[in-house]
Amino acid sequence: MVHPSPEELDTKEIDIRSMSSSHRHLDQVPYMHKVGMPSKQNLLKEIKSTVKETFFSDEPLRPFKDQPRSRKFVLGIQAIFPILEWGRDYNFTKFKGDLIAGLTIASLCIPQDIGYSKLANLPPQYGLYSSFVPPLVYAFMGSSRDIAIGPVAVVSLLLGTLLQDEIDYETHPKEYLRLAFTATFFAGITQAALGLLRLGFLIDFLSHAAVVGFMGGAAVTIALQQLKGFLGIRKFTKNSDIVSVMRSVFTSAHHGWNWQTILIAASFLSFLLFAKFIGKKNKKLFWVPAIAPLISVILSTFFVYITRADKQGVAIVRKIEQGINPLSVSQIYFSGDYLMKGVRIGVVAGMVALTEAVAIGRTFAAKKDYQLDGNKEMVALGTMNVIGSMTSCYVATGSFSRSAVNYMAGCNTAVSNLVMSCVVLLTLELITPLFKYTPNAILASIIITAVIGLIDFDAVVLIWKIDKFDFVACVGAFFGVIFISVEIGLLIAVSISFAKILLQVTRPRTALLGKLPLTTVYRNIEQYPDAAKVPGLLIVRVDSAIYFSNSNYIKERILRWLVDEEEQLKAKDLQRVDFLIVEMSPVTDIDTSGIHALEELYKSLKKRDIELLLANPGQAVIDKLHASKFTDLIGNDKIFLTVADAVLTCKPKTRVDDV
């Protein structure tokens, strides 16, 4: 074979318009695999596949396959009550761990529950009620081994704020309590419905950054509201924004502060923070911050009792109703003006509670390497809140502080919740009269200590480093909560999360690709500065599905890339663009608007005497391109498996040795 001389190679060019007749060029082109065509699916099968992936991606019915009817019945009962499944392997060793964990979280929950009920503007016994019945129900129906159930600060504050907007708890306490039960009932209905309808993915629309900001803002708001009990202020604003709270604090500075209250609150706050510091320094001493609140309540109650500080202006709890939860079914509004208000408040509180509980459950499930069924969790949480609303409870969910203590204490199963519930039962039956002289100041200190952990500075810094738009969502939610209200902060968090989704969908990323030296790999020229553009070609990658919401933008963005490239080439007197290659590997799907945009792009390029080529369209995309006859429009020979194949075949007027 006679090889061309170097001089001939330097001058020889391949004319792209005579490729079809150039046998010499075709001999040099290696074998190229065609883009695969998916097998045709009938419509029913396609719909079934889509529904399965959307709602049943975890294949919940898989264990039932090929099982006899009796076994299916047993599996069905176990699916509803997981305790019947893991309970068969339960032993005394596991019980020891659960007993210690249950007693530990009970010592933490009792003082917290009394304080959290005040955030919801409810009498203190309702906080204890909510740590008795809901954990019992969850222990039988929940799938998490580590989550500790009960009232939490953020949901208590949210519920209290939303209820107060409808009914004043001081002037109409009975109606306020009834609306609280109604909201709890519909919070449970919302949670259970999301689980039963397999709609758990909806809670993922609230981004992590928005949740961090919302939780941080709620923590600051809760801490500021505790200044009433911390400083011993009698008349305090009912608004939750920082301006109203600080105005109320400073206007009462000359006559409304009580130094004995401040002394008690500051002393025990220092003790609680020190206990928390010890627990963080030494993980083996996790029980110190867990038991510190109960010790603080006992000591402060004893101090107030022997000194009769309540006669010196120190506000005390005074009375907690003794006995277990009374039934409250008859108090729920199932008709009337307050029904829809209860539904609205319940849906909001239920969604926030659900988001917190699922996030906590997933965190500890990952640490112990077991799977958490999100939809089962929603059904369990919803059922416990529905039953709770009928037994004088308000919205309960997973508590992060208690769950962390539960995990550190060595819990093995949900039996730790049963132990905690039994301790709360004994407290309600026997001990509640002893809380009469418990100062409100100690409850304020306990709540402040608990909510400090909700402010995640490390997460905020990380969000700033990773994604500035996420940081805007975080900061927006934070300032919305502290400067306006909890519900407005939540609305901002949801709105910014949706805005980010819309922005990413309507304005997807595109990139110019170049060839990496000594390879046939084509990558983003911004990420790889040494990637070289191919003369006569413009290679563009689209990094998202092409839908009605972004198809016009993608078409216009590609044409802008083309205009910019032609201007640069013209300024440098270089070869014009003859081919536009669209890399479609990241394009997961396309709709009719997307195909119409490609048709318009093709026509626009044809007017400029530029050919359009596609590289590696996926299964769903190529199927729709064929169905719409778009492949006939541009030609099947213009669709390639890789960008390298497209470049090798259609490289315009370039030297053979560069090919």
Foldseek 3Di string as FASTA:
>chain_A
DDDDDPVCLVPDWDFLVCLVVDVVLVVVADDFDAFDADDDDDPVVVVVVVCCVQQPVVPPCVVVPPDDPVVNVVVVQCQQFVCVVCVVVDDPVQVVLLLLLLVLLLLQQLLLLQLLLVLLVHQSQQQLLQLFQLLVLCQGQFDFFQFAKGDDNLLSNLNSLLLCVPPPCVVCVLLSLLLLLQLLQLLLVLLLVCLVRSVLCVLPLLDPLLQLLLLQLSLVLLLLVLVCQLFLFDDADPARAQVRSVVRVVVCVVPGGAVVSNVLLVVLLVVLVVQVVVCVVDVLSVSSNSNSLSVSQVVQLVVCVVVVCVVVRFAASQADAAAHFDFCPVSHDPDDDSNVSSNVSNNVSSSSQLSVQVVLSVVVCVVVVDDGDSSSNSSSQSVSSNVSSRRSHGRMHTYNSSSVSSVSSRNDGSVSSVSSSVVSNCCRHPPRVSRNRRTSSSSSSSSSSRSVVSNDPVVLVVCVVPPVLSNVLSNQLSNLPRHPHSVRSVVSSSVSSVVVVLCCQQPPDKAWWAQAPPDLDIDGCVVPVNGHHAFQETEMETQEAAELNHQQVVLVVLVVVQVVVQVVCVVVVGHHHAEYEYEAPNHPAYDPNNLVSVVVSQVVCVVVNHAYAYEQHDNRHVNVCVVVCVCVVRDSVRYRDHPSSNCSSSPRTDRPVVD
